[in-house]
PDB file of N, CA and C in Angstrom:
ATOM      1  N   MET A   1      73.443 -76.268 292.741  1.00  0.00           N
ATOM      2  CA  MET A   1      72.784 -76.286 293.898  1.00  0.00           C
ATOM      3  C   MET A   1      71.628 -76.036 293.640  1.00  0.00           C
ATOM      4  N   ASN A   2      70.447 -76.950 294.268  1.00  0.00           N
ATOM      5  CA  ASN A   2      68.896 -76.210 293.997  1.00  0.00           C
ATOM      6  C   ASN A   2      67.984 -75.499 295.287  1.00  0.00           C
ATOM      7  N   LYS A   3      67.299 -75.014 295.139  1.00  0.00           N
ATOM      8  CA  LYS A   3      66.804 -74.715 296.417  1.00  0.00           C
ATOM      9  C   LYS A   3      65.473 -75.773 296.417  1.00  0.00           C
ATOM     10  N   TYR A   4      65.203 -76.190 297.743  1.00  0.00           N
ATOM     11  CA  TYR A   4      64.354 -77.039 298.358  1.00  0.00           C
ATOM     12  C   TYR A   4      63.559 -76.721 299.551  1.00  0.00           C
ATOM     13  N   GLU A   5      62.110 -77.237 299.688  1.00  0.00           N
ATOM     14  CA  GLU A   5      61.958 -76.872 301.000  1.00  0.00           C
ATOM     15  C   GLU A   5      61.155 -78.038 301.485  1.00  0.00           C
ATOM     16  N   LEU A   6      61.365 -78.860 302.783  1.00  0.00           N
ATOM     17  CA  LEU A   6      60.778 -79.858 303.338  1.00  0.00           C
ATOM     18  C   LEU A   6      59.797 -79.473 304.417  1.00  0.00           C
ATOM     19  N   ALA A   7      58.407 -80.042 303.973  1.00  0.00           N
ATOM     20  CA  ALA A   7      57.314 -79.869 304.965  1.00  0.00           C
ATOM     21  C   ALA A   7      57.260 -80.962 305.658  1.00  0.00           C
ATOM     22  N   VAL A   8      57.416 -80.910 307.152  1.00  0.00           N
ATOM     23  CA  VAL A   8      56.971 -82.132 307.964  1.00  0.00           C
ATOM     24  C   VAL A   8      55.871 -81.785 308.673  1.00  0.00           C
ATOM     25  N   VAL A   9      54.938 -82.783 309.165  1.00  0.00           N
ATOM     26  CA  VAL A   9      53.799 -82.862 309.992  1.00  0.00           C
ATOM     27  C   VAL A   9      54.452 -83.582 311.341  1.00  0.00           C
ATOM     28  N   VAL A  10      54.524 -83.113 312.341  1.00  0.00           N
ATOM     29  CA  VAL A  10      54.739 -83.796 313.546  1.00  0.00           C
ATOM     30  C   VAL A  10      53.908 -84.033 314.363  1.00  0.00           C
ATOM     31  N   ASN A  11      53.856 -85.328 314.840  1.00  0.00           N
ATOM     32  CA  ASN A  11      52.915 -86.038 315.863  1.00  0.00           C
ATOM     33  C   ASN A  11      52.379 -84.662 316.764  1.00  0.00           C
ATOM     34  N   ALA A  12      51.491 -84.179 317.054  1.00  0.00           N
ATOM     35  CA  ALA A  12      51.329 -83.278 318.239  1.00  0.00           C
ATOM     36  C   ALA A  12      50.542 -83.687 319.631  1.00  0.00           C
ATOM     37  N   LYS A  13      50.784 -84.842 319.891  1.00  0.00           N
ATOM     38  CA  LYS A  13      50.694 -85.598 321.174  1.00  0.00           C
ATOM     39  C   LYS A  13      51.969 -85.913 321.828  1.00  0.00           C
ATOM     40  N   ILE A  14      53.122 -85.664 321.134  1.00  0.00           N
ATOM     41  CA  ILE A  14      54.476 -85.857 321.989  1.00  0.00           C
ATOM     42  C   ILE A  14      54.803 -84.698 322.598  1.00  0.00           C
ATOM     43  N   GLU A  15      55.854 -84.770 323.689  1.00  0.00           N
ATOM     44  CA  GLU A  15      56.426 -83.856 324.425  1.00  0.00           C
ATOM     45  C   GLU A  15      57.065 -82.526 323.271  1.00  0.00           C
ATOM     46  N   ASP A  16      57.675 -81.384 323.789  1.00  0.00           N
ATOM     47  CA  ASP A  16      58.025 -80.175 323.173  1.00  0.00           C
ATOM     48  C   ASP A  16      59.602 -80.976 322.882  1.00  0.00           C
ATOM     49  N   ASP A  17      60.344 -81.634 323.930  1.00  0.00           N
ATOM     50  CA  ASP A  17      61.571 -81.939 323.480  1.00  0.00           C
ATOM     51  C   ASP A  17      61.445 -82.952 322.374  1.00  0.00           C
ATOM     52  N   GLU A  18      60.742 -83.812 322.328  1.00  0.00           N
ATOM     53  CA  GLU A  18      60.831 -84.813 321.415  1.00  0.00           C
ATOM     54  C   GLU A  18      60.493 -84.322 320.080  1.00  0.00           C
ATOM     55  N   ARG A  19      59.447 -83.485 319.944  1.00  0.00           N
ATOM     56  CA  ARG A  19      58.969 -82.984 318.672  1.00  0.00           C
ATOM     57  C   ARG A  19      60.489 -82.035 318.106  1.00  0.00           C
ATOM     58  N   ALA A  20      61.205 -81.466 319.002  1.00  0.00           N
ATOM     59  CA  ALA A  20      62.361 -80.482 318.468  1.00  0.00           C
ATOM     60  C   ALA A  20      63.368 -81.686 317.879  1.00  0.00           C
ATOM     61  N   ALA A  21      63.621 -82.863 318.876  1.00  0.00           N
ATOM     62  CA  ALA A  21      64.222 -83.881 318.656  1.00  0.00           C
ATOM     63  C   ALA A  21      64.291 -84.355 317.058  1.00  0.00           C
ATOM     64  N   VAL A  22      62.707 -84.596 316.766  1.00  0.00           N
ATOM     65  CA  VAL A  22      62.177 -84.726 315.320  1.00  0.00           C
ATOM     66  C   VAL A  22      62.799 -83.572 314.194  1.00  0.00           C
ATOM     67  N   VAL A  23      62.845 -82.750 314.171  1.00  0.00           N
ATOM     68  CA  VAL A  23      62.943 -81.737 313.653  1.00  0.00           C
ATOM     69  C   VAL A  23      64.691 -81.496 313.703  1.00  0.00           C
ATOM     70  N   ASP A  24      65.390 -81.614 314.701  1.00  0.00           N
ATOM     71  CA  ASP A  24      66.684 -81.444 314.922  1.00  0.00           C
ATOM     72  C   ASP A  24      67.322 -82.841 313.690  1.00  0.00           C
ATOM     73  N   LYS A  25      66.863 -83.984 314.040  1.00  0.00           N
ATOM     74  CA  LYS A  25      66.934 -84.967 313.122  1.00  0.00           C
ATOM     75  C   LYS A  25      66.893 -84.832 311.556  1.00  0.00           C
ATOM     76  N   CYS A  26      65.797 -84.278 311.003  1.00  0.00           N
ATOM     77  CA  CYS A  26      65.742 -83.969 309.773  1.00  0.00           C
ATOM     78  C   CYS A  26      66.444 -82.948 309.465  1.00  0.00           C
ATOM     79  N   LYS A  27      66.945 -81.576 310.248  1.00  0.00           N
ATOM     80  CA  LYS A  27      68.143 -80.829 309.902  1.00  0.00           C
ATOM     81  C   LYS A  27      69.458 -81.743 309.585  1.00  0.00           C
ATOM     82  N   ALA A  28      69.559 -82.966 310.550  1.00  0.00           N
ATOM     83  CA  ALA A  28      70.794 -83.400 310.493  1.00  0.00           C
ATOM     84  C   ALA A  28      71.048 -84.306 309.165  1.00  0.00           C
ATOM     85  N   TYR A  29      69.807 -85.024 308.523  1.00  0.00           N
ATOM     86  CA  TYR A  29      70.132 -85.611 307.250  1.00  0.00           C
ATOM     87  C   TYR A  29      70.239 -85.019 306.236  1.00  0.00           C
ATOM     88  N   ILE A  30      69.497 -83.331 306.145  1.00  0.00           N
ATOM     89  CA  ILE A  30      69.839 -82.584 305.292  1.00  0.00           C
ATOM     90  C   ILE A  30      71.205 -82.290 305.158  1.00  0.00           C
ATOM     91  N   GLU A  31      71.979 -81.667 306.130  1.00  0.00           N
ATOM     92  CA  GLU A  31      73.156 -81.488 306.428  1.00  0.00           C
ATOM     93  C   GLU A  31      73.959 -82.956 306.023  1.00  0.00           C
ATOM     94  N   ARG A  32      73.774 -84.001 306.420  1.00  0.00           N
ATOM     95  CA  ARG A  32      74.355 -85.397 305.845  1.00  0.00           C
ATOM     96  C   ARG A  32      74.632 -85.679 304.508  1.00  0.00           C
ATOM     97  N   PHE A  33      73.486 -84.788 303.601  1.00  0.00           N
ATOM     98  CA  PHE A  33      73.587 -85.233 302.354  1.00  0.00           C
ATOM     99  C   PHE A  33      73.952 -83.962 301.761  1.00  0.00           C
ATOM    100  N   GLY A  34      74.780 -83.218 302.341  1.00  0.00           N
ATOM    101  CA  GLY A  34      75.243 -82.071 301.752  1.00  0.00           C
ATOM    102  C   GLY A  34      74.588 -80.694 301.303  1.00  0.00           C
ATOM    103  N   GLY A  35      73.756 -80.828 301.999  1.00  0.00           N
ATOM    104  CA  GLY A  35      72.687 -79.516 301.993  1.00  0.00           C
ATOM    105  C   GLY A  35      72.895 -78.258 303.212  1.00  0.00           C
ATOM    106  N   THR A  36      72.381 -77.186 302.711  1.00  0.00           N
ATOM    107  CA  THR A  36      72.685 -76.075 303.824  1.00  0.00           C
ATOM    108  C   THR A  36      71.396 -75.382 304.037  1.00  0.00           C
ATOM    109  N   ILE A  37      71.083 -75.521 305.303  1.00  0.00           N
ATOM    110  CA  ILE A  37      69.675 -75.003 305.559  1.00  0.00           C
ATOM    111  C   ILE A  37      69.706 -73.500 305.604  1.00  0.00           C
ATOM    112  N   THR A  38      68.679 -72.752 305.184  1.00  0.00           N
ATOM    113  CA  THR A  38      68.560 -71.672 304.961  1.00  0.00           C
ATOM    114  C   THR A  38      67.489 -70.839 305.862  1.00  0.00           C
ATOM    115  N   ASN A  39      66.437 -71.589 305.823  1.00  0.00           N
ATOM    116  CA  ASN A  39      65.499 -71.162 306.932  1.00  0.00           C
ATOM    117  C   ASN A  39      64.786 -72.258 307.610  1.00  0.00           C
ATOM    118  N   VAL A  40      64.237 -72.192 308.788  1.00  0.00           N
ATOM    119  CA  VAL A  40      63.252 -73.207 309.387  1.00  0.00           C
ATOM    120  C   VAL A  40      62.088 -72.384 309.914  1.00  0.00           C
ATOM    121  N   ASP A  41      60.898 -72.446 309.383  1.00  0.00           N
ATOM    122  CA  ASP A  41      59.880 -71.818 309.717  1.00  0.00           C
ATOM    123  C   ASP A  41      58.864 -72.721 310.589  1.00  0.00           C
ATOM    124  N   GLU A  42      58.394 -72.564 311.928  1.00  0.00           N
ATOM    125  CA  GLU A  42      57.530 -73.286 312.570  1.00  0.00           C
ATOM    126  C   GLU A  42      56.226 -72.562 312.559  1.00  0.00           C
ATOM    127  N   GLN A  43      55.235 -73.283 312.426  1.00  0.00           N
ATOM    128  CA  GLN A  43      53.968 -72.719 311.735  1.00  0.00           C
ATOM    129  C   GLN A  43      53.099 -73.024 312.904  1.00  0.00           C
ATOM    130  N   GLY A  44      53.626 -74.393 313.852  1.00  0.00           N
ATOM    131  CA  GLY A  44      52.763 -74.382 315.149  1.00  0.00           C
ATOM    132  C   GLY A  44      52.011 -75.420 314.866  1.00  0.00           C
ATOM    133  N   LYS A  45      50.738 -75.532 315.771  1.00  0.00           N
ATOM    134  CA  LYS A  45      50.025 -76.707 315.830  1.00  0.00           C
ATOM    135  C   LYS A  45      48.760 -76.301 314.695  1.00  0.00           C
ATOM    136  N   LYS A  46      48.378 -77.085 314.195  1.00  0.00           N
ATOM    137  CA  LYS A  46      46.947 -76.789 312.843  1.00  0.00           C
ATOM    138  C   LYS A  46      46.165 -78.113 313.218  1.00  0.00           C
ATOM    139  N   ARG A  47      45.195 -77.934 312.817  1.00  0.00           N
ATOM    140  CA  ARG A  47      44.042 -78.916 312.504  1.00  0.00           C
ATOM    141  C   ARG A  47      44.328 -79.595 311.006  1.00  0.00           C
ATOM    142  N   LEU A  48      44.342 -80.581 311.232  1.00  0.00           N
ATOM    143  CA  LEU A  48      44.630 -81.478 309.604  1.00  0.00           C
ATOM    144  C   LEU A  48      43.244 -81.553 309.018  1.00  0.00           C
ATOM    145  N   ALA A  49      43.695 -81.821 307.887  1.00  0.00           N
ATOM    146  CA  ALA A  49      42.099 -81.914 306.789  1.00  0.00           C
ATOM    147  C   ALA A  49      41.283 -83.158 307.021  1.00  0.00           C
ATOM    148  N   TYR A  50      42.254 -83.962 307.297  1.00  0.00           N
ATOM    149  CA  TYR A  50      41.508 -85.434 307.885  1.00  0.00           C
ATOM    150  C   TYR A  50      42.560 -85.988 308.387  1.00  0.00           C
ATOM    151  N   GLU A  51      41.543 -87.088 309.394  1.00  0.00           N
ATOM    152  CA  GLU A  51      42.159 -87.742 310.185  1.00  0.00           C
ATOM    153  C   GLU A  51      43.648 -88.901 309.937  1.00  0.00           C
ATOM    154  N   ILE A  52      44.382 -88.671 310.504  1.00  0.00           N
ATOM    155  CA  ILE A  52      46.037 -89.267 310.223  1.00  0.00           C
ATOM    156  C   ILE A  52      46.422 -90.276 311.277  1.00  0.00           C
ATOM    157  N   GLN A  53      46.397 -91.329 311.511  1.00  0.00           N
ATOM    158  CA  GLN A  53      46.528 -92.231 312.665  1.00  0.00           C
ATOM    159  C   GLN A  53      45.739 -91.968 313.949  1.00  0.00           C
ATOM    160  N   LYS A  54      44.321 -91.705 313.475  1.00  0.00           N
ATOM    161  CA  LYS A  54      43.529 -91.188 314.681  1.00  0.00           C
ATOM    162  C   LYS A  54      44.119 -89.925 315.600  1.00  0.00           C
ATOM    163  N   MET A  55      44.839 -89.303 314.793  1.00  0.00           N
ATOM    164  CA  MET A  55      45.150 -87.810 315.326  1.00  0.00           C
ATOM    165  C   MET A  55      44.264 -86.784 314.445  1.00  0.00           C
ATOM    166  N   ARG A  56      44.065 -85.740 314.725  1.00  0.00           N
ATOM    167  CA  ARG A  56      43.217 -84.286 313.962  1.00  0.00           C
ATOM    168  C   ARG A  56      44.357 -83.545 313.814  1.00  0.00           C
ATOM    169  N   GLU A  57      45.224 -83.059 314.887  1.00  0.00           N
ATOM    170  CA  GLU A  57      46.004 -82.209 314.881  1.00  0.00           C
ATOM    171  C   GLU A  57      47.687 -82.338 314.488  1.00  0.00           C
ATOM    172  N   GLY A  58      48.287 -81.773 314.323  1.00  0.00           N
ATOM    173  CA  GLY A  58      49.773 -81.898 314.109  1.00  0.00           C
ATOM    174  C   GLY A  58      50.454 -80.379 314.095  1.00  0.00           C
ATOM    175  N   TYR A  59      52.073 -80.611 314.258  1.00  0.00           N
ATOM    176  CA  TYR A  59      52.748 -79.471 314.126  1.00  0.00           C
ATOM    177  C   TYR A  59      53.325 -79.481 312.848  1.00  0.00           C
ATOM    178  N   TYR A  60      53.662 -78.384 312.188  1.00  0.00           N
ATOM    179  CA  TYR A  60      53.495 -77.851 310.949  1.00  0.00           C
ATOM    180  C   TYR A  60      55.184 -77.210 310.878  1.00  0.00           C
ATOM    181  N   TYR A  61      56.208 -77.739 310.416  1.00  0.00           N
ATOM    182  CA  TYR A  61      57.505 -77.349 310.004  1.00  0.00           C
ATOM    183  C   TYR A  61      57.783 -77.189 308.546  1.00  0.00           C
ATOM    184  N   PHE A  62      58.327 -76.001 308.224  1.00  0.00           N
ATOM    185  CA  PHE A  62      58.914 -75.805 306.788  1.00  0.00           C
ATOM    186  C   PHE A  62      60.240 -75.580 306.877  1.00  0.00           C
ATOM    187  N   ILE A  63      61.104 -76.543 306.388  1.00  0.00           N
ATOM    188  CA  ILE A  63      62.434 -76.434 306.150  1.00  0.00           C
ATOM    189  C   ILE A  63      62.978 -75.853 304.794  1.00  0.00           C
ATOM    190  N   GLN A  64      63.761 -74.860 304.598  1.00  0.00           N
ATOM    191  CA  GLN A  64      64.360 -74.562 303.318  1.00  0.00           C
ATOM    192  C   GLN A  64      65.955 -74.938 303.037  1.00  0.00           C
ATOM    193  N   PHE A  65      66.158 -75.458 301.991  1.00  0.00           N
ATOM    194  CA  PHE A  65      67.532 -75.774 302.156  1.00  0.00           C
ATOM    195  C   PHE A  65      68.257 -75.752 300.856  1.00  0.00           C
ATOM    196  N   ASP A  66      69.389 -75.880 300.557  1.00  0.00           N
ATOM    197  CA  ASP A  66      70.067 -75.769 299.266  1.00  0.00           C
ATOM    198  C   ASP A  66      70.587 -76.961 299.103  1.00  0.00           C
ATOM    199  N   ALA A  67      70.778 -77.823 298.133  1.00  0.00           N
ATOM    200  CA  ALA A  67      71.420 -79.288 297.896  1.00  0.00           C
ATOM    201  C   ALA A  67      71.387 -79.607 296.408  1.00  0.00           C
ATOM    202  N   GLU A  68      72.093 -80.776 296.382  1.00  0.00           N
ATOM    203  CA  GLU A  68      72.236 -81.097 294.856  1.00  0.00           C
ATOM    204  C   GLU A  68      71.188 -81.923 295.080  1.00  0.00           C
ATOM    205  N   ALA A  69      71.048 -82.372 293.497  1.00  0.00           N
ATOM    206  CA  ALA A  69      69.684 -83.014 292.608  1.00  0.00           C
ATOM    207  C   ALA A  69      69.320 -84.325 293.908  1.00  0.00           C
ATOM    208  N   SER A  70      70.465 -84.910 294.158  1.00  0.00           N
ATOM    209  CA  SER A  70      70.398 -86.461 294.590  1.00  0.00           C
ATOM    210  C   SER A  70      70.126 -86.248 296.059  1.00  0.00           C
ATOM    211  N   ALA A  71      69.682 -84.986 296.471  1.00  0.00           N
ATOM    212  CA  ALA A  71      69.224 -84.967 298.413  1.00  0.00           C
ATOM    213  C   ALA A  71      68.173 -85.149 298.507  1.00  0.00           C
ATOM    214  N   PRO A  72      67.117 -84.769 297.979  1.00  0.00           N
ATOM    215  CA  PRO A  72      65.844 -85.120 298.174  1.00  0.00           C
ATOM    216  C   PRO A  72      65.237 -86.404 298.351  1.00  0.00           C
ATOM    217  N   ALA A  73      65.823 -87.231 297.345  1.00  0.00           N
ATOM    218  CA  ALA A  73      65.521 -88.889 297.155  1.00  0.00           C
ATOM    219  C   ALA A  73      65.873 -89.618 298.641  1.00  0.00           C
ATOM    220  N   GLU A  74      67.239 -88.759 298.967  1.00  0.00           N
ATOM    221  CA  GLU A  74      68.073 -89.355 300.208  1.00  0.00           C
ATOM    222  C   GLU A  74      67.069 -89.252 301.428  1.00  0.00           C
ATOM    223  N   LEU A  75      66.929 -88.022 301.150  1.00  0.00           N
ATOM    224  CA  LEU A  75      66.520 -87.435 302.623  1.00  0.00           C
ATOM    225  C   LEU A  75      64.559 -88.136 303.156  1.00  0.00           C
ATOM    226  N   GLU A  76      64.120 -88.269 301.799  1.00  0.00           N
ATOM    227  CA  GLU A  76      62.865 -88.606 301.856  1.00  0.00           C
ATOM    228  C   GLU A  76      62.687 -89.923 302.159  1.00  0.00           C
ATOM    229  N   SER A  77      63.848 -91.363 301.734  1.00  0.00           N
ATOM    230  CA  SER A  77      63.812 -92.193 302.389  1.00  0.00           C
ATOM    231  C   SER A  77      64.113 -92.403 303.893  1.00  0.00           C
ATOM    232  N   ARG A  78      65.078 -91.379 304.384  1.00  0.00           N
ATOM    233  CA  ARG A  78      65.126 -91.569 305.843  1.00  0.00           C
ATOM    234  C   ARG A  78      64.020 -91.310 306.781  1.00  0.00           C
ATOM    235  N   VAL A  79      62.990 -89.982 306.000  1.00  0.00           N
ATOM    236  CA  VAL A  79      61.987 -89.177 306.899  1.00  0.00           C
ATOM    237  C   VAL A  79      61.017 -90.167 306.800  1.00  0.00           C
ATOM    238  N   ARG A  80      60.924 -91.071 305.651  1.00  0.00           N
ATOM    239  CA  ARG A  80      59.590 -91.614 305.796  1.00  0.00           C
ATOM    240  C   ARG A  80      59.343 -92.747 306.821  1.00  0.00           C
ATOM    241  N   ILE A  81      60.814 -93.169 307.250  1.00  0.00           N
ATOM    242  CA  ILE A  81      60.605 -94.184 308.437  1.00  0.00           C
ATOM    243  C   ILE A  81      60.795 -93.762 309.899  1.00  0.00           C
ATOM    244  N   MET A  82      60.826 -92.341 309.918  1.00  0.00           N
ATOM    245  CA  MET A  82      60.632 -91.635 311.089  1.00  0.00           C
ATOM    246  C   MET A  82      59.448 -91.602 312.007  1.00  0.00           C
ATOM    247  N   ASP A  83      59.933 -92.147 313.490  1.00  0.00           N
ATOM    248  CA  ASP A  83      58.462 -91.853 314.107  1.00  0.00           C
ATOM    249  C   ASP A  83      57.927 -90.529 314.383  1.00  0.00           C
ATOM    250  N   ASN A  84      57.067 -90.442 314.645  1.00  0.00           N
ATOM    251  CA  ASN A  84      56.107 -89.248 314.665  1.00  0.00           C
ATOM    252  C   ASN A  84      56.296 -88.436 313.752  1.00  0.00           C
ATOM    253  N   VAL A  85      56.752 -88.618 312.378  1.00  0.00           N
ATOM    254  CA  VAL A  85      56.362 -87.566 311.332  1.00  0.00           C
ATOM    255  C   VAL A  85      55.015 -88.305 310.639  1.00  0.00           C
ATOM    256  N   LEU A  86      54.060 -87.749 310.507  1.00  0.00           N
ATOM    257  CA  LEU A  86      52.752 -87.726 310.089  1.00  0.00           C
ATOM    258  C   LEU A  86      52.782 -87.848 308.656  1.00  0.00           C
ATOM    259  N   ARG A  87      53.123 -86.625 308.089  1.00  0.00           N
ATOM    260  CA  ARG A  87      53.705 -86.725 306.728  1.00  0.00           C
ATOM    261  C   ARG A  87      54.305 -85.872 306.459  1.00  0.00           C
ATOM    262  N   TYR A  88      54.828 -85.691 305.168  1.00  0.00           N
ATOM    263  CA  TYR A  88      56.528 -85.041 304.692  1.00  0.00           C
ATOM    264  C   TYR A  88      56.087 -85.096 303.297  1.00  0.00           C
ATOM    265  N   LEU A  89      56.836 -83.968 302.940  1.00  0.00           N
ATOM    266  CA  LEU A  89      56.957 -83.791 301.373  1.00  0.00           C
ATOM    267  C   LEU A  89      58.093 -82.371 301.306  1.00  0.00           C
ATOM    268  N   VAL A  90      59.014 -83.037 300.077  1.00  0.00           N
ATOM    269  CA  VAL A  90      60.001 -82.463 299.623  1.00  0.00           C
ATOM    270  C   VAL A  90      59.905 -81.513 298.388  1.00  0.00           C
ATOM    271  N   VAL A  91      59.598 -80.439 298.152  1.00  0.00           N
ATOM    272  CA  VAL A  91      59.620 -79.628 296.963  1.00  0.00           C
ATOM    273  C   VAL A  91      60.768 -79.236 296.534  1.00  0.00           C
ATOM    274  N   ARG A  92      60.675 -78.852 295.161  1.00  0.00           N
ATOM    275  CA  ARG A  92      61.761 -77.774 294.580  1.00  0.00           C
ATOM    276  C   ARG A  92      61.229 -76.310 294.274  1.00  0.00           C
ATOM    277  N   GLN A  93      62.110 -75.663 294.905  1.00  0.00           N
ATOM    278  CA  GLN A  93      61.520 -74.034 294.925  1.00  0.00           C
ATOM    279  C   GLN A  93      61.927 -73.304 293.570  1.00  0.00           C
ATOM    280  N   ASP A  94      61.362 -72.819 292.511  1.00  0.00           N
ATOM    281  CA  ASP A  94      61.888 -71.930 291.141  1.00  0.00           C
ATOM    282  C   ASP A  94      62.554 -71.008 291.862  1.00  0.00           C
ATOM    283  N   GLU A  95      63.713 -70.757 290.617  1.00  0.00           N
ATOM    284  CA  GLU A  95      64.346 -69.692 291.034  1.00  0.00           C
ATOM    285  C   GLU A  95      63.475 -68.515 290.599  1.00  0.00           C
ATOM    286  N   GLU A  96      63.716 -67.240 291.145  1.00  0.00           N
ATOM    287  CA  GLU A  96      62.915 -66.172 291.102  1.00  0.00           C
ATOM    288  C   GLU A  96      63.237 -65.112 290.211  1.00  0.00           C
TER     289      GLU A  96
END
Protein backbone atom coordinates (compact mmCIF):
# COMPACT_ATOMS: atom_id res chain seq x y z
CA MET A 1 0.00 0.00 0.00
CA ASN A 2 1.25 3.44 -0.94
CA LYS A 3 0.31 6.80 0.58
CA TYR A 4 -1.41 9.27 -1.74
CA GLU A 5 -3.05 12.66 -1.56
CA LEU A 6 -5.96 13.81 -3.73
CA ALA A 7 -6.22 17.60 -4.08
CA VAL A 8 -9.61 18.78 -5.37
CA VAL A 9 -10.75 22.32 -6.20
CA VAL A 10 -14.55 22.49 -6.11
CA ASN A 11 -16.80 25.14 -7.68
CA ALA A 12 -17.42 27.93 -5.13
CA LYS A 13 -20.77 28.92 -6.64
CA ILE A 14 -22.66 25.80 -5.56
CA GLU A 15 -24.53 25.16 -2.29
CA ASP A 16 -22.82 23.63 0.75
CA ASP A 17 -24.72 20.34 0.47
CA GLU A 18 -23.77 19.97 -3.21
CA ARG A 19 -20.12 20.65 -2.34
CA ALA A 20 -20.25 18.03 0.43
CA ALA A 21 -21.76 15.56 -2.05
CA VAL A 22 -18.82 16.11 -4.45
CA VAL A 23 -16.31 15.40 -1.65
CA ASP A 24 -18.29 12.35 -0.49
CA LYS A 25 -18.30 11.02 -4.05
CA CYS A 26 -14.51 11.40 -4.21
CA LYS A 27 -14.20 9.49 -0.92
CA ALA A 28 -16.51 6.76 -2.24
CA TYR A 29 -14.33 6.37 -5.36
CA ILE A 30 -11.22 6.00 -3.18
CA GLU A 31 -12.90 3.28 -1.11
CA ARG A 32 -14.28 1.54 -4.22
CA PHE A 33 -10.75 1.07 -5.57
CA GLY A 34 -9.49 -0.44 -2.32
CA GLY A 35 -8.20 2.72 -0.68
CA THR A 36 -8.36 3.65 2.99
CA ILE A 37 -8.90 7.34 3.79
CA THR A 38 -6.58 8.56 6.54
CA ASN A 39 -7.33 12.30 6.60
CA VAL A 40 -9.56 14.92 4.96
CA ASP A 41 -8.31 18.51 5.13
CA GLU A 42 -10.76 21.22 4.10
CA GLN A 43 -8.85 24.43 3.33
CA GLY A 44 -11.98 26.44 2.55
CA LYS A 45 -12.60 29.06 -0.10
CA LYS A 46 -9.50 30.54 -1.71
CA ARG A 47 -8.78 32.77 -4.65
CA LEU A 48 -7.52 30.91 -7.71
CA ALA A 49 -4.21 31.86 -9.30
CA TYR A 50 -6.03 32.34 -12.62
CA GLU A 51 -9.59 32.24 -13.83
CA ILE A 52 -11.02 28.76 -14.50
CA GLN A 53 -14.40 28.48 -16.27
CA LYS A 54 -15.05 32.17 -15.50
CA MET A 55 -14.57 31.58 -11.75
CA ARG A 56 -12.02 33.30 -9.55
CA GLU A 57 -12.54 31.28 -6.34
CA GLY A 58 -12.79 27.63 -5.37
CA TYR A 59 -13.02 25.39 -2.31
CA TYR A 60 -9.88 23.37 -1.68
CA TYR A 61 -9.92 19.84 -0.25
CA PHE A 62 -6.96 17.54 0.42
CA ILE A 63 -7.79 13.86 0.99
CA GLN A 64 -4.95 11.61 2.18
CA PHE A 65 -5.38 7.89 1.61
CA ASP A 66 -3.55 4.56 1.40
CA ALA A 67 -4.10 2.47 -1.72
CA GLU A 68 -2.56 0.08 -4.23
CA ALA A 69 -0.58 1.48 -7.17
CA SER A 70 -3.48 1.02 -9.62
CA ALA A 71 -5.96 3.15 -7.63
CA PRO A 72 -4.77 6.69 -8.60
CA ALA A 73 -5.28 6.12 -12.34
CA GLU A 74 -8.79 4.74 -11.74
CA LEU A 75 -9.57 7.61 -9.38
CA GLU A 76 -8.35 10.29 -11.81
CA SER A 77 -10.42 8.84 -14.65
CA ARG A 78 -13.57 9.20 -12.51
CA VAL A 79 -12.82 12.62 -10.95
CA ARG A 80 -11.93 14.05 -14.39
CA ILE A 81 -15.58 13.86 -15.54
CA MET A 82 -17.26 14.97 -12.29
CA ASP A 83 -19.36 18.12 -12.40
CA ASN A 84 -18.28 21.02 -10.17
CA VAL A 85 -14.64 19.84 -9.94
CA LEU A 86 -12.49 22.61 -11.37
CA ARG A 87 -9.09 20.95 -10.85
CA TYR A 88 -7.73 17.78 -9.26
CA LEU A 89 -4.37 16.15 -8.67
CA VAL A 90 -3.31 12.84 -7.16
CA VAL A 91 0.25 12.70 -5.83
CA ARG A 92 2.17 9.98 -4.06
CA GLN A 93 3.53 10.96 -0.66
CA ASP A 94 7.03 9.80 0.18
CA GLU A 95 7.67 7.68 3.23
CA GLU A 96 9.37 9.66 5.95
